[in-house]
Amino acid sequence: QMNSLQPEDTGVYYCAAVLLRRRTYGITCRPPGYAYWGQGTQV
């Protein structure tokens, strides 16, 4: 959910995921750490 959108939010938005082998706590959000990608949607 994206509110108060600004021109600098413009871009192609991709959904990405990575499957983990075991229960892992915490979160990272860097592109190299994600293996699967959608095709993207323009905003």
All heavy atoms as atom14 arrays in JSON, in Angstrom:
{
  "sequence": "QMNSLQPEDTGVYYCAAVLLRRRTYGITCRPPGYAYWGQGTQV",
  "atom14_mask": [
    [1, 1, 1, 1, 1, 1, 1, 1, 1, 0, 0, 0, 0, 0],
    [1, 1, 1, 1, 1, 1, 1, 1, 0, 0, 0, 0, 0, 0],
    [1, 1, 1, 1, 1, 1, 1, 1, 0, 0, 0, 0, 0, 0],
    [1, 1, 1, 1, 1, 1, 0, 0, 0, 0, 0, 0, 0, 0],
    [1, 1, 1, 1, 1, 1, 1, 1, 0, 0, 0, 0, 0, 0],
    [1, 1, 1, 1, 1, 1, 1, 1, 1, 0, 0, 0, 0, 0],
    [1, 1, 1, 1, 1, 1, 1, 0, 0, 0, 0, 0, 0, 0],
    [1, 1, 1, 1, 1, 1, 1, 1, 1, 0, 0, 0, 0, 0],
    [1, 1, 1, 1, 1, 1, 1, 1, 0, 0, 0, 0, 0, 0],
    [1, 1, 1, 1, 1, 1, 1, 0, 0, 0, 0, 0, 0, 0],
    [1, 1, 1, 1, 0, 0, 0, 0, 0, 0, 0, 0, 0, 0],
    [1, 1, 1, 1, 1, 1, 1, 0, 0, 0, 0, 0, 0, 0],
    [1, 1, 1, 1, 1, 1, 1, 1, 1, 1, 1, 1, 0, 0],
    [1, 1, 1, 1, 1, 1, 1, 1, 1, 1, 1, 1, 0, 0],
    [1, 1, 1, 1, 1, 1, 0, 0, 0, 0, 0, 0, 0, 0],
    [1, 1, 1, 1, 1, 0, 0, 0, 0, 0, 0, 0, 0, 0],
    [1, 1, 1, 1, 1, 0, 0, 0, 0, 0, 0, 0, 0, 0],
    [1, 1, 1, 1, 1, 1, 1, 0, 0, 0, 0, 0, 0, 0],
    [1, 1, 1, 1, 1, 1, 1, 1, 0, 0, 0, 0, 0, 0],
    [1, 1, 1, 1, 1, 1, 1, 1, 0, 0, 0, 0, 0, 0],
    [1, 1, 1, 1, 1, 1, 1, 1, 1, 1, 1, 0, 0, 0],
    [1, 1, 1, 1, 1, 1, 1, 1, 1, 1, 1, 0, 0, 0],
    [1, 1, 1, 1, 1, 1, 1, 1, 1, 1, 1, 0, 0, 0],
    [1, 1, 1, 1, 1, 1, 1, 0, 0, 0, 0, 0, 0, 0],
    [1, 1, 1, 1, 1, 1, 1, 1, 1, 1, 1, 1, 0, 0],
    [1, 1, 1, 1, 0, 0, 0, 0, 0, 0, 0, 0, 0, 0],
    [1, 1, 1, 1, 1, 1, 1, 1, 0, 0, 0, 0, 0, 0],
    [1, 1, 1, 1, 1, 1, 1, 0, 0, 0, 0, 0, 0, 0],
    [1, 1, 1, 1, 1, 1, 0, 0, 0, 0, 0, 0, 0, 0],
    [1, 1, 1, 1, 1, 1, 1, 1, 1, 1, 1, 0, 0, 0],
    [1, 1, 1, 1, 1, 1, 1, 0, 0, 0, 0, 0, 0, 0],
    [1, 1, 1, 1, 1, 1, 1, 0, 0, 0, 0, 0, 0, 0],
    [1, 1, 1, 1, 0, 0, 0, 0, 0, 0, 0, 0, 0, 0],
    [1, 1, 1, 1, 1, 1, 1, 1, 1, 1, 1, 1, 0, 0],
    [1, 1, 1, 1, 1, 0, 0, 0, 0, 0, 0, 0, 0, 0],
    [1, 1, 1, 1, 1, 1, 1, 1, 1, 1, 1, 1, 0, 0],
    [1, 1, 1, 1, 1, 1, 1, 1, 1, 1, 1, 1, 1, 1],
    [1, 1, 1, 1, 0, 0, 0, 0, 0, 0, 0, 0, 0, 0],
    [1, 1, 1, 1, 1, 1, 1, 1, 1, 0, 0, 0, 0, 0],
    [1, 1, 1, 1, 0, 0, 0, 0, 0, 0, 0, 0, 0, 0],
    [1, 1, 1, 1, 1, 1, 1, 0, 0, 0, 0, 0, 0, 0],
    [1, 1, 1, 1, 1, 1, 1, 1, 1, 0, 0, 0, 0, 0],
    [1, 1, 1, 1, 1, 1, 1, 0, 0, 0, 0, 0, 0, 0]
  ],
  "atom14_positions": [
    [[0.86, -1.18, 0.0], [0.0, 0.0, 0.0], [0.89, 1.23, 0.0], [1.71, 1.4, 0.91], [-0.9, 0.0, 1.24], [-1.8, 1.23, 1.34], [-2.83, 1.3, 0.23], [-3.46, 0.3, -0.1], [-3.01, 2.48, -0.34], [0.0, 0.0, 0.0], [0.0, 0.0, 0.0], [0.0, 0.0, 0.0], [0.0, 0.0, 0.0], [0.0, 0.0, 0.0]],
    [[0.73, 2.05, -1.01], [1.58, 3.23, -1.18], [0.71, 4.48, -1.08], [-0.18, 4.69, -1.9], [2.29, 3.18, -2.53], [3.08, 1.9, -2.76], [4.06, 1.93, -4.28], [2.77, 2.0, -5.51], [0.0, 0.0, 0.0], [0.0, 0.0, 0.0], [0.0, 0.0, 0.0], [0.0, 0.0, 0.0], [0.0, 0.0, 0.0], [0.0, 0.0, 0.0]],
    [[0.98, 5.26, -0.06], [0.25, 6.51, 0.17], [1.18, 7.71, 0.02], [2.41, 7.57, 0.08], [-0.37, 6.51, 1.56], [-1.38, 5.39, 1.75], [-2.06, 4.98, 0.81], [-1.48, 4.89, 2.98], [0.0, 0.0, 0.0], [0.0, 0.0, 0.0], [0.0, 0.0, 0.0], [0.0, 0.0, 0.0], [0.0, 0.0, 0.0], [0.0, 0.0, 0.0]],
    [[0.59, 8.87, -0.14], [1.35, 10.12, -0.26], [2.47, 9.97, -1.3], [3.62, 10.35, -1.05], [1.95, 10.5, 1.1], [0.93, 10.66, 2.07], [0.0, 0.0, 0.0], [0.0, 0.0, 0.0], [0.0, 0.0, 0.0], [0.0, 0.0, 0.0], [0.0, 0.0, 0.0], [0.0, 0.0, 0.0], [0.0, 0.0, 0.0], [0.0, 0.0, 0.0]],
    [[2.12, 9.45, -2.43], [3.12, 9.21, -3.47], [3.69, 10.51, -4.0], [2.99, 11.53, -4.11], [2.49, 8.4, -4.61], [2.32, 6.91, -4.3], [1.31, 6.28, -5.24], [3.65, 6.2, -4.38], [0.0, 0.0, 0.0], [0.0, 0.0, 0.0], [0.0, 0.0, 0.0], [0.0, 0.0, 0.0], [0.0, 0.0, 0.0], [0.0, 0.0, 0.0]],
    [[4.97, 10.46, -4.31], [5.71, 11.61, -4.81], [6.37, 11.24, -6.13], [6.59, 10.06, -6.42], [6.75, 12.03, -3.78], [6.17, 12.44, -2.44], [5.19, 13.59, -2.56], [5.41, 14.55, -3.3], [4.07, 13.49, -1.83], [0.0, 0.0, 0.0], [0.0, 0.0, 0.0], [0.0, 0.0, 0.0], [0.0, 0.0, 0.0], [0.0, 0.0, 0.0]],
    [[6.73, 12.23, -6.94], [7.37, 11.94, -8.23], [8.61, 11.05, -8.1], [8.87, 10.23, -8.99], [7.72, 13.33, -8.76], [6.66, 14.21, -8.18], [6.42, 13.67, -6.8], [0.0, 0.0, 0.0], [0.0, 0.0, 0.0], [0.0, 0.0, 0.0], [0.0, 0.0, 0.0], [0.0, 0.0, 0.0], [0.0, 0.0, 0.0], [0.0, 0.0, 0.0]],
    [[9.33, 11.18, -7.01], [10.53, 10.35, -6.83], [10.21, 8.88, -6.57], [11.11, 8.05, -6.53], [11.41, 10.9, -5.7], [10.67, 11.14, -4.4], [10.18, 12.58, -4.26], [9.83, 13.19, -5.29], [10.16, 13.07, -3.12], [0.0, 0.0, 0.0], [0.0, 0.0, 0.0], [0.0, 0.0, 0.0], [0.0, 0.0, 0.0], [0.0, 0.0, 0.0]],
    [[8.94, 8.56, -6.38], [8.53, 7.16, -6.23], [8.33, 6.49, -7.59], [8.07, 5.28, -7.65], [7.23, 7.06, -5.44], [7.38, 7.52, -4.0], [8.37, 7.14, -3.36], [6.49, 8.26, -3.52], [0.0, 0.0, 0.0], [0.0, 0.0, 0.0], [0.0, 0.0, 0.0], [0.0, 0.0, 0.0], [0.0, 0.0, 0.0], [0.0, 0.0, 0.0]],
    [[8.44, 7.24, -8.65], [8.27, 6.7, -9.99], [9.33, 5.65, -10.31], [10.5, 5.82, -9.98], [8.34, 7.83, -11.04], [7.22, 8.7, -10.85], [8.32, 7.29, -12.45], [0.0, 0.0, 0.0], [0.0, 0.0, 0.0], [0.0, 0.0, 0.0], [0.0, 0.0, 0.0], [0.0, 0.0, 0.0], [0.0, 0.0, 0.0], [0.0, 0.0, 0.0]],
    [[8.89, 4.56, -10.94], [9.8, 3.52, -11.34], [9.07, 2.23, -11.62], [7.84, 2.17, -11.51], [0.0, 0.0, 0.0], [0.0, 0.0, 0.0], [0.0, 0.0, 0.0], [0.0, 0.0, 0.0], [0.0, 0.0, 0.0], [0.0, 0.0, 0.0], [0.0, 0.0, 0.0], [0.0, 0.0, 0.0], [0.0, 0.0, 0.0], [0.0, 0.0, 0.0]],
    [[9.84, 1.23, -11.99], [9.27, -0.11, -12.15], [9.4, -0.83, -10.81], [10.49, -0.9, -10.24], [9.99, -0.89, -13.25], [9.39, -2.29, -13.37], [9.9, -0.16, -14.58], [0.0, 0.0, 0.0], [0.0, 0.0, 0.0], [0.0, 0.0, 0.0], [0.0, 0.0, 0.0], [0.0, 0.0, 0.0], [0.0, 0.0, 0.0], [0.0, 0.0, 0.0]],
    [[8.29, -1.33, -10.34], [8.25, -2.03, -9.05], [8.22, -3.53, -9.3], [7.38, -4.03, -10.05], [7.04, -1.59, -8.25], [7.23, -0.24, -7.61], [7.29, 0.92, -8.38], [7.38, -0.11, -6.24], [7.5, 2.17, -7.81], [7.57, 1.13, -5.64], [7.64, 2.26, -6.43], [7.84, 3.49, -5.85], [0.0, 0.0, 0.0], [0.0, 0.0, 0.0]],
    [[9.15, -4.21, -8.66], [9.28, -5.66, -8.8], [8.97, -6.35, -7.47], [9.37, -5.88, -6.41], [10.7, -6.04, -9.21], [11.14, -5.5, -10.54], [11.78, -4.27, -10.63], [10.95, -6.23, -11.71], [12.21, -3.77, -11.85], [11.37, -5.74, -12.94], [12.0, -4.51, -13.0], [12.41, -4.02, -14.21], [0.0, 0.0, 0.0], [0.0, 0.0, 0.0]],
    [[8.29, -7.46, -7.58], [8.13, -8.35, -6.44], [9.22, -9.41, -6.53], [9.51, -9.93, -7.62], [6.76, -9.01, -6.49], [6.42, -10.17, -5.16], [0.0, 0.0, 0.0], [0.0, 0.0, 0.0], [0.0, 0.0, 0.0], [0.0, 0.0, 0.0], [0.0, 0.0, 0.0], [0.0, 0.0, 0.0], [0.0, 0.0, 0.0], [0.0, 0.0, 0.0]],
    [[9.83, -9.72, -5.41], [10.9, -10.72, -5.41], [10.83, -11.56, -4.14], [10.31, -11.1, -3.11], [12.27, -10.04, -5.51], [0.0, 0.0, 0.0], [0.0, 0.0, 0.0], [0.0, 0.0, 0.0], [0.0, 0.0, 0.0], [0.0, 0.0, 0.0], [0.0, 0.0, 0.0], [0.0, 0.0, 0.0], [0.0, 0.0, 0.0], [0.0, 0.0, 0.0]],
    [[11.36, -12.77, -4.23], [11.31, -13.67, -3.08], [12.55, -14.54, -3.02], [13.24, -14.75, -4.03], [10.06, -14.56, -3.17], [0.0, 0.0, 0.0], [0.0, 0.0, 0.0], [0.0, 0.0, 0.0], [0.0, 0.0, 0.0], [0.0, 0.0, 0.0], [0.0, 0.0, 0.0], [0.0, 0.0, 0.0], [0.0, 0.0, 0.0], [0.0, 0.0, 0.0]],
    [[12.81, -15.02, -1.84], [13.88, -16.0, -1.64], [13.36, -17.05, -0.68], [12.73, -16.73, 0.33], [15.17, -15.34, -1.12], [14.94, -14.6, 0.19], [16.29, -16.37, -0.96], [0.0, 0.0, 0.0], [0.0, 0.0, 0.0], [0.0, 0.0, 0.0], [0.0, 0.0, 0.0], [0.0, 0.0, 0.0], [0.0, 0.0, 0.0], [0.0, 0.0, 0.0]],
    [[13.59, -18.31, -1.01], [13.18, -19.41, -0.15], [14.32, -19.76, 0.8], [15.48, -19.79, 0.39], [12.8, -20.64, -0.99], [11.75, -20.41, -2.06], [11.42, -21.73, -2.76], [10.51, -19.76, -1.5], [0.0, 0.0, 0.0], [0.0, 0.0, 0.0], [0.0, 0.0, 0.0], [0.0, 0.0, 0.0], [0.0, 0.0, 0.0], [0.0, 0.0, 0.0]],
    [[14.0, -20.01, 2.03], [15.0, -20.3, 3.05], [14.95, -21.77, 3.43], [13.88, -22.37, 3.47], [14.75, -19.42, 4.28], [14.7, -17.91, 3.99], [14.31, -17.15, 5.24], [16.02, -17.42, 3.44], [0.0, 0.0, 0.0], [0.0, 0.0, 0.0], [0.0, 0.0, 0.0], [0.0, 0.0, 0.0], [0.0, 0.0, 0.0], [0.0, 0.0, 0.0]],
    [[16.1, -22.33, 3.73], [16.17, -23.76, 4.05], [15.72, -24.05, 5.46], [15.37, -25.19, 5.79], [17.59, -24.26, 3.84], [18.05, -24.2, 2.4], [19.45, -24.74, 2.24], [19.91, -24.69, 0.85], [21.1, -25.09, 0.44], [21.97, -25.57, 1.31], [21.41, -25.01, -0.83], [0.0, 0.0, 0.0], [0.0, 0.0, 0.0], [0.0, 0.0, 0.0]],
    [[15.77, -23.06, 6.31], [15.37, -23.28, 7.7], [14.79, -21.99, 8.24], [14.87, -20.93, 7.63], [16.58, -23.7, 8.53], [17.71, -22.69, 8.54], [18.93, -23.21, 9.31], [20.0, -22.24, 9.34], [20.9, -22.12, 8.37], [20.84, -22.91, 7.31], [21.86, -21.22, 8.49], [0.0, 0.0, 0.0], [0.0, 0.0, 0.0], [0.0, 0.0, 0.0]],
    [[14.21, -22.12, 9.42], [13.63, -20.95, 10.08], [14.72, -19.93, 10.33], [15.7, -20.22, 11.03], [12.97, -21.37, 11.38], [12.26, -20.27, 12.11], [11.78, -20.78, 13.47], [10.81, -21.86, 13.33], [9.51, -21.68, 13.24], [9.01, -20.46, 13.32], [8.68, -22.71, 13.12], [0.0, 0.0, 0.0], [0.0, 0.0, 0.0], [0.0, 0.0, 0.0]],
    [[14.56, -18.76, 9.78], [15.56, -17.69, 9.89], [14.85, -16.42, 10.3], [13.89, -16.02, 9.65], [16.29, -17.49, 8.55], [16.86, -18.73, 8.12], [17.37, -16.44, 8.69], [0.0, 0.0, 0.0], [0.0, 0.0, 0.0], [0.0, 0.0, 0.0], [0.0, 0.0, 0.0], [0.0, 0.0, 0.0], [0.0, 0.0, 0.0], [0.0, 0.0, 0.0]],
    [[15.33, -15.82, 11.35], [14.68, -14.63, 11.88], [15.31, -13.37, 11.29], [16.45, -13.38, 10.84], [14.76, -14.62, 13.4], [13.98, -15.74, 14.02], [14.6, -16.94, 14.37], [12.6, -15.62, 14.23], [13.88, -17.98, 14.92], [11.88, -16.67, 14.77], [12.53, -17.84, 15.12], [11.81, -18.88, 15.65], [0.0, 0.0, 0.0], [0.0, 0.0, 0.0]],
    [[14.55, -12.32, 11.32], [15.04, -11.06, 10.8], [14.75, -10.91, 9.32], [14.19, -11.8, 8.68], [0.0, 0.0, 0.0], [0.0, 0.0, 0.0], [0.0, 0.0, 0.0], [0.0, 0.0, 0.0], [0.0, 0.0, 0.0], [0.0, 0.0, 0.0], [0.0, 0.0, 0.0], [0.0, 0.0, 0.0], [0.0, 0.0, 0.0], [0.0, 0.0, 0.0]],
    [[15.15, -9.78, 8.77], [14.84, -9.5, 7.38], [15.96, -8.71, 6.73], [16.59, -7.88, 7.38], [13.5, -8.7, 7.28], [13.07, -8.54, 5.84], [13.63, -7.34, 7.98], [12.62, -9.79, 5.17], [0.0, 0.0, 0.0], [0.0, 0.0, 0.0], [0.0, 0.0, 0.0], [0.0, 0.0, 0.0], [0.0, 0.0, 0.0], [0.0, 0.0, 0.0]],
    [[16.23, -9.03, 5.5], [17.09, -8.21, 4.67], [16.31, -7.88, 3.41], [15.39, -8.61, 3.02], [18.4, -8.93, 4.3], [18.07, -10.1, 3.54], [19.18, -9.32, 5.52], [0.0, 0.0, 0.0], [0.0, 0.0, 0.0], [0.0, 0.0, 0.0], [0.0, 0.0, 0.0], [0.0, 0.0, 0.0], [0.0, 0.0, 0.0], [0.0, 0.0, 0.0]],
    [[16.68, -6.8, 2.77], [15.92, -6.33, 1.62], [16.86, -5.77, 0.55], [16.67, -4.66, 0.07], [14.91, -5.28, 2.08], [13.52, -5.01, 0.93], [0.0, 0.0, 0.0], [0.0, 0.0, 0.0], [0.0, 0.0, 0.0], [0.0, 0.0, 0.0], [0.0, 0.0, 0.0], [0.0, 0.0, 0.0], [0.0, 0.0, 0.0], [0.0, 0.0, 0.0]],
    [[17.86, -6.54, 0.23], [18.81, -6.14, -0.8], [18.64, -7.05, -2.01], [18.54, -8.28, -1.85], [20.23, -6.23, -0.25], [20.49, -5.29, 0.92], [21.9, -5.48, 1.43], [22.87, -5.17, 0.38], [24.14, -5.57, 0.39], [24.58, -6.31, 1.39], [24.96, -5.23, -0.57], [0.0, 0.0, 0.0], [0.0, 0.0, 0.0], [0.0, 0.0, 0.0]],
    [[18.62, -6.49, -3.21], [18.34, -7.3, -4.41], [19.19, -8.56, -4.56], [18.65, -9.61, -4.95], [18.6, -6.31, -5.55], [18.25, -4.98, -4.96], [18.74, -5.05, -3.54], [0.0, 0.0, 0.0], [0.0, 0.0, 0.0], [0.0, 0.0, 0.0], [0.0, 0.0, 0.0], [0.0, 0.0, 0.0], [0.0, 0.0, 0.0], [0.0, 0.0, 0.0]],
    [[20.5, -8.53, -4.25], [21.28, -9.77, -4.44], [20.8, -10.93, -3.57], [21.12, -12.09, -3.86], [22.7, -9.35, -4.06], [22.73, -7.89, -4.27], [21.37, -7.42, -3.86], [0.0, 0.0, 0.0], [0.0, 0.0, 0.0], [0.0, 0.0, 0.0], [0.0, 0.0, 0.0], [0.0, 0.0, 0.0], [0.0, 0.0, 0.0], [0.0, 0.0, 0.0]],
    [[20.07, -10.63, -2.54], [19.62, -11.69, -1.64], [18.32, -12.35, -2.03], [17.82, -13.22, -1.31], [0.0, 0.0, 0.0], [0.0, 0.0, 0.0], [0.0, 0.0, 0.0], [0.0, 0.0, 0.0], [0.0, 0.0, 0.0], [0.0, 0.0, 0.0], [0.0, 0.0, 0.0], [0.0, 0.0, 0.0], [0.0, 0.0, 0.0], [0.0, 0.0, 0.0]],
    [[17.78, -11.97, -3.18], [16.49, -12.49, -3.63], [16.66, -13.21, -4.95], [17.24, -12.67, -5.88], [15.48, -11.35, -3.73], [15.02, -10.91, -2.36], [15.88, -10.21, -1.51], [13.75, -11.24, -1.9], [15.47, -9.85, -0.24], [13.34, -10.87, -0.63], [14.2, -10.19, 0.2], [13.81, -9.83, 1.47], [0.0, 0.0, 0.0], [0.0, 0.0, 0.0]],
    [[16.13, -14.42, -5.02], [16.4, -15.29, -6.16], [15.32, -15.27, -7.23], [15.61, -15.56, -8.4], [16.59, -16.73, -5.67], [0.0, 0.0, 0.0], [0.0, 0.0, 0.0], [0.0, 0.0, 0.0], [0.0, 0.0, 0.0], [0.0, 0.0, 0.0], [0.0, 0.0, 0.0], [0.0, 0.0, 0.0], [0.0, 0.0, 0.0], [0.0, 0.0, 0.0]],
    [[14.11, -14.97, -6.84], [12.99, -15.06, -7.77], [12.37, -13.68, -7.95], [12.13, -12.97, -6.96], [11.94, -16.05, -7.26], [12.49, -17.42, -7.03], [12.85, -17.84, -5.75], [12.68, -18.3, -8.1], [13.38, -19.1, -5.54], [13.21, -19.56, -7.89], [13.56, -19.96, -6.61], [14.1, -21.2, -6.42], [0.0, 0.0, 0.0], [0.0, 0.0, 0.0]],
    [[12.07, -13.35, -9.21], [11.61, -12.01, -9.54], [10.39, -12.06, -10.45], [10.3, -12.91, -11.34], [12.72, -11.22, -10.22], [13.86, -10.93, -9.3], [14.89, -11.76, -8.97], [14.07, -9.72, -8.56], [15.72, -11.14, -8.07], [15.25, -9.89, -7.81], [13.38, -8.51, -8.47], [15.76, -8.9, -6.96], [13.88, -7.53, -7.64], [15.04, -7.72, -6.89]],
    [[9.48, -11.11, -10.21], [8.38, -10.93, -11.14], [8.79, -10.08, -12.32], [9.95, -9.65, -12.42], [0.0, 0.0, 0.0], [0.0, 0.0, 0.0], [0.0, 0.0, 0.0], [0.0, 0.0, 0.0], [0.0, 0.0, 0.0], [0.0, 0.0, 0.0], [0.0, 0.0, 0.0], [0.0, 0.0, 0.0], [0.0, 0.0, 0.0], [0.0, 0.0, 0.0]],
    [[7.84, -9.8, -13.18], [8.15, -9.07, -14.41], [8.14, -7.56, -14.21], [8.61, -6.83, -15.08], [7.15, -9.46, -15.51], [5.8, -8.74, -15.44], [4.91, -9.22, -14.32], [5.2, -10.2, -13.64], [3.77, -8.54, -14.13], [0.0, 0.0, 0.0], [0.0, 0.0, 0.0], [0.0, 0.0, 0.0], [0.0, 0.0, 0.0], [0.0, 0.0, 0.0]],
    [[7.59, -7.11, -13.1], [7.57, -5.69, -12.79], [6.29, -5.01, -13.21], [5.61, -5.45, -14.15], [0.0, 0.0, 0.0], [0.0, 0.0, 0.0], [0.0, 0.0, 0.0], [0.0, 0.0, 0.0], [0.0, 0.0, 0.0], [0.0, 0.0, 0.0], [0.0, 0.0, 0.0], [0.0, 0.0, 0.0], [0.0, 0.0, 0.0], [0.0, 0.0, 0.0]],
    [[5.97, -3.93, -12.52], [4.81, -3.1, -12.87], [5.21, -1.64, -12.73], [5.88, -1.25, -11.78], [3.6, -3.45, -11.98], [2.45, -2.72, -12.41], [3.86, -3.14, -10.51], [0.0, 0.0, 0.0], [0.0, 0.0, 0.0], [0.0, 0.0, 0.0], [0.0, 0.0, 0.0], [0.0, 0.0, 0.0], [0.0, 0.0, 0.0], [0.0, 0.0, 0.0]],
    [[4.82, -0.85, -13.71], [5.22, 0.56, -13.76], [4.36, 1.4, -12.84], [3.13, 1.31, -12.87], [5.13, 1.09, -15.19], [5.46, 2.56, -15.34], [6.94, 2.84, -15.15], [7.8, 2.12, -15.65], [7.24, 3.91, -14.41], [0.0, 0.0, 0.0], [0.0, 0.0, 0.0], [0.0, 0.0, 0.0], [0.0, 0.0, 0.0], [0.0, 0.0, 0.0]],
    [[5.02, 2.24, -12.06], [4.34, 3.24, -11.25], [4.87, 4.6, -11.67], [6.08, 4.84, -11.64], [4.6, 3.01, -9.74], [4.06, 4.17, -8.92], [3.97, 1.7, -9.29], [0.0, 0.0, 0.0], [0.0, 0.0, 0.0], [0.0, 0.0, 0.0], [0.0, 0.0, 0.0], [0.0, 0.0, 0.0], [0.0, 0.0, 0.0], [0.0, 0.0, 0.0]]
  ]
}
